[in-house]
Amino acid sequence: MCLHLIKESKTKIAEEDLVFYKVLRIEESLELGNSPRYYTPYRGVKVIPGVTYIEKGGDFKTKNEYGCRRSGEPYIRNVMIEEEAFHLYEDIHDAIGYANFENNYYRTVCPYGYDYYSKEPVNVYYKVFKAVIPKGTKYIVGMFEQTKSVCAKAVRYEIY
């Protein structure tokens, strides 16, 4: 998930805990008694709800996305944050839309996935979680596709 910066994008510090939303991939073993496992959808990082995660690096690292004019002259089309930040949805309805899209894909194309580590067959689905940016954390607002989103340097996922 890449955050495209907009004119209003400025790094801020959370003055209080801020609530945003994150879609996580949930994998449940097909064997009874195993707890579900939670992963970020793009990078597949295993997370535990309730734990605060802090990203390395102090400032947000930006990357230029280039386009090409008809004349062949390159130009900067977008400036984005791609790594070393937690990407979150500002609006719950955008997060629900993404979760529904992924769930429909898995139901129709591959109803069972495989665990990232053990490669055992698992039931896979996506769900919206609260993503709390703790007080004192750096964050920045931008766009992901057509949705208002944020990047933060720390986050805690909570079951919604």
Protein backbone atom coordinates (compact mmCIF):
# COMPACT_ATOMS: atom_id res chain seq x y z
CA MET A 1 0.00 0.00 0.00
CA CYS A 2 1.60 3.27 -1.10
CA LEU A 3 0.57 6.64 0.26
CA HIS A 4 0.59 9.33 -2.42
CA LEU A 5 1.34 12.72 -0.95
CA ILE A 6 -0.96 15.64 -1.73
CA LYS A 7 -0.52 19.40 -1.33
CA GLU A 8 -1.96 19.24 2.19
CA SER A 9 0.44 16.45 3.26
CA LYS A 10 2.54 17.59 6.19
CA THR A 11 4.11 15.49 8.93
CA LYS A 12 2.17 15.87 12.17
CA ILE A 13 2.54 14.57 15.72
CA ALA A 14 -0.52 12.90 17.26
CA GLU A 15 -1.63 15.00 20.24
CA GLU A 16 -3.79 12.11 21.46
CA ASP A 17 -4.44 8.52 20.42
CA LEU A 18 -5.95 8.61 16.91
CA VAL A 19 -8.19 5.88 15.48
CA PHE A 20 -7.88 4.78 11.87
CA TYR A 21 -8.51 1.41 10.19
CA LYS A 22 -6.42 -1.44 8.80
CA VAL A 23 -7.44 -4.51 6.86
CA LEU A 24 -5.58 -7.59 8.07
CA ARG A 25 -5.37 -11.03 6.49
CA ILE A 26 -6.54 -13.70 8.90
CA GLU A 27 -5.48 -17.31 8.53
CA GLU A 28 -7.21 -20.04 10.50
CA SER A 29 -5.88 -23.58 10.46
CA LEU A 30 -8.30 -26.17 9.15
CA GLU A 31 -7.45 -28.24 12.24
CA LEU A 32 -9.55 -27.57 15.35
CA GLY A 33 -8.02 -25.79 18.30
CA ASN A 34 -5.52 -23.57 16.52
CA SER A 35 -5.67 -19.82 17.08
CA PRO A 36 -6.06 -17.49 14.09
CA ARG A 37 -2.95 -15.72 12.81
CA TYR A 38 -2.96 -12.11 11.58
CA TYR A 39 -0.87 -10.66 8.74
CA THR A 40 -0.58 -7.35 6.92
CA PRO A 41 -2.00 -7.86 3.42
CA TYR A 42 0.84 -6.50 1.24
CA ARG A 43 4.04 -7.49 3.01
CA GLY A 44 2.71 -10.48 4.95
CA VAL A 45 4.09 -9.30 8.31
CA LYS A 46 2.66 -11.31 11.20
CA VAL A 47 1.03 -9.07 13.84
CA ILE A 48 -0.60 -9.58 17.23
CA PRO A 49 -3.65 -7.47 18.14
CA GLY A 50 -3.03 -5.27 21.18
CA VAL A 51 0.74 -4.94 20.63
CA THR A 52 2.16 -1.54 19.64
CA TYR A 53 4.50 -1.72 16.65
CA ILE A 54 7.09 0.99 16.02
CA GLU A 55 8.64 1.48 12.59
CA LYS A 56 12.35 2.18 12.26
CA GLY A 57 13.67 5.52 11.05
CA GLY A 58 12.69 8.97 12.25
CA ASP A 59 11.38 10.62 9.09
CA PHE A 60 9.16 9.37 6.32
CA LYS A 61 11.12 8.30 3.26
CA THR A 62 9.62 9.51 0.00
CA LYS A 63 9.99 8.08 -3.47
CA ASN A 64 9.23 9.78 -6.78
CA GLU A 65 6.97 8.04 -9.29
CA TYR A 66 7.80 9.24 -12.79
CA GLY A 67 5.64 9.70 -15.85
CA CYS A 68 6.59 10.57 -19.40
CA ARG A 69 5.19 13.45 -21.49
CA ARG A 70 4.34 12.96 -25.17
CA SER A 71 7.58 14.73 -25.98
CA GLY A 72 9.44 11.99 -24.11
CA GLU A 73 10.39 14.37 -21.28
CA PRO A 74 10.10 12.71 -17.85
CA TYR A 75 8.25 14.36 -14.98
CA ILE A 76 7.40 13.54 -11.38
CA ARG A 77 3.83 12.20 -11.41
CA ASN A 78 3.55 11.38 -7.71
CA VAL A 79 5.56 11.58 -4.53
CA MET A 80 4.80 8.66 -2.26
CA ILE A 81 5.70 6.90 0.94
CA GLU A 82 6.18 3.21 0.28
CA GLU A 83 8.19 1.72 3.14
CA GLU A 84 9.05 2.11 6.82
CA ALA A 85 5.57 3.30 7.78
CA PHE A 86 2.23 1.77 8.70
CA HIS A 87 -0.38 2.48 6.04
CA LEU A 88 -3.95 2.95 7.31
CA TYR A 89 -7.39 3.93 6.02
CA GLU A 90 -8.98 7.10 7.39
CA ASP A 91 -12.57 6.05 6.59
CA ILE A 92 -13.97 2.73 7.81
CA HIS A 93 -16.11 2.39 4.66
CA ASP A 94 -12.99 2.41 2.47
CA ALA A 95 -11.44 -0.30 4.66
CA ILE A 96 -14.64 -2.39 4.50
CA GLY A 97 -14.68 -2.03 0.71
CA TYR A 98 -11.12 -3.34 0.45
CA ALA A 99 -11.82 -6.23 2.85
CA ASN A 100 -14.93 -7.19 0.84
CA PHE A 101 -12.97 -7.08 -2.41
CA GLU A 102 -10.28 -9.41 -1.03
CA ASN A 103 -12.83 -11.76 0.56
CA ASN A 104 -14.77 -12.07 -2.70
CA TYR A 105 -11.54 -12.85 -4.54
CA TYR A 106 -10.60 -15.63 -2.12
CA ARG A 107 -14.09 -17.13 -2.14
CA THR A 108 -14.18 -17.37 -5.92
CA VAL A 109 -10.57 -17.96 -6.94
CA CYS A 110 -8.92 -19.85 -4.11
CA PRO A 111 -11.13 -20.61 -1.10
CA TYR A 112 -8.19 -22.02 0.86
CA GLY A 113 -4.78 -20.42 1.15
CA TYR A 114 -1.54 -21.55 2.70
CA ASP A 115 0.10 -20.33 5.88
CA TYR A 116 3.09 -18.05 5.18
CA TYR A 117 5.41 -20.13 7.36
CA SER A 118 4.24 -23.74 7.58
CA LYS A 119 2.53 -23.86 4.16
CA GLU A 120 -0.35 -25.80 5.74
CA PRO A 121 -3.81 -25.29 4.20
CA VAL A 122 -5.74 -22.56 6.01
CA ASN A 123 -9.01 -20.69 5.78
CA VAL A 124 -8.13 -17.15 4.62
CA TYR A 125 -10.22 -14.01 5.02
CA TYR A 126 -9.77 -10.28 5.49
CA LYS A 127 -11.21 -8.18 8.30
CA VAL A 128 -11.15 -4.54 9.37
CA PHE A 129 -9.29 -3.74 12.60
CA LYS A 130 -9.02 -0.50 14.53
CA ALA A 131 -5.55 0.95 14.04
CA VAL A 132 -4.62 3.26 16.89
CA ILE A 133 -1.84 5.75 16.33
CA PRO A 134 -0.47 6.38 19.83
CA LYS A 135 -0.12 9.88 21.23
CA GLY A 136 3.26 11.41 20.26
CA THR A 137 3.59 9.43 17.00
CA LYS A 138 4.54 11.01 13.67
CA TYR A 139 1.94 10.60 10.93
CA ILE A 140 1.09 12.08 7.54
CA VAL A 141 -2.14 12.21 5.51
CA GLY A 142 -2.33 11.42 1.79
CA MET A 143 -4.19 9.26 -0.72
CA PHE A 144 -4.16 5.55 -1.53
CA GLU A 145 -5.86 5.10 -4.89
CA GLN A 146 -9.01 7.24 -4.38
CA THR A 147 -9.15 6.92 -0.60
CA LYS A 148 -7.87 9.28 2.07
CA SER A 149 -5.26 7.40 4.06
CA VAL A 150 -2.41 7.95 6.50
CA CYS A 151 1.07 6.66 7.21
CA ALA A 152 2.28 6.48 10.80
CA LYS A 153 5.51 5.55 12.56
CA ALA A 154 3.72 3.51 15.25
CA VAL A 155 0.42 1.64 15.45
CA ARG A 156 -1.55 -0.76 17.62
CA TYR A 157 -4.14 -3.00 15.96
CA GLU A 158 -7.30 -3.75 17.94
CA ILE A 159 -10.08 -6.18 17.11
CA TYR A 160 -13.05 -4.12 15.97
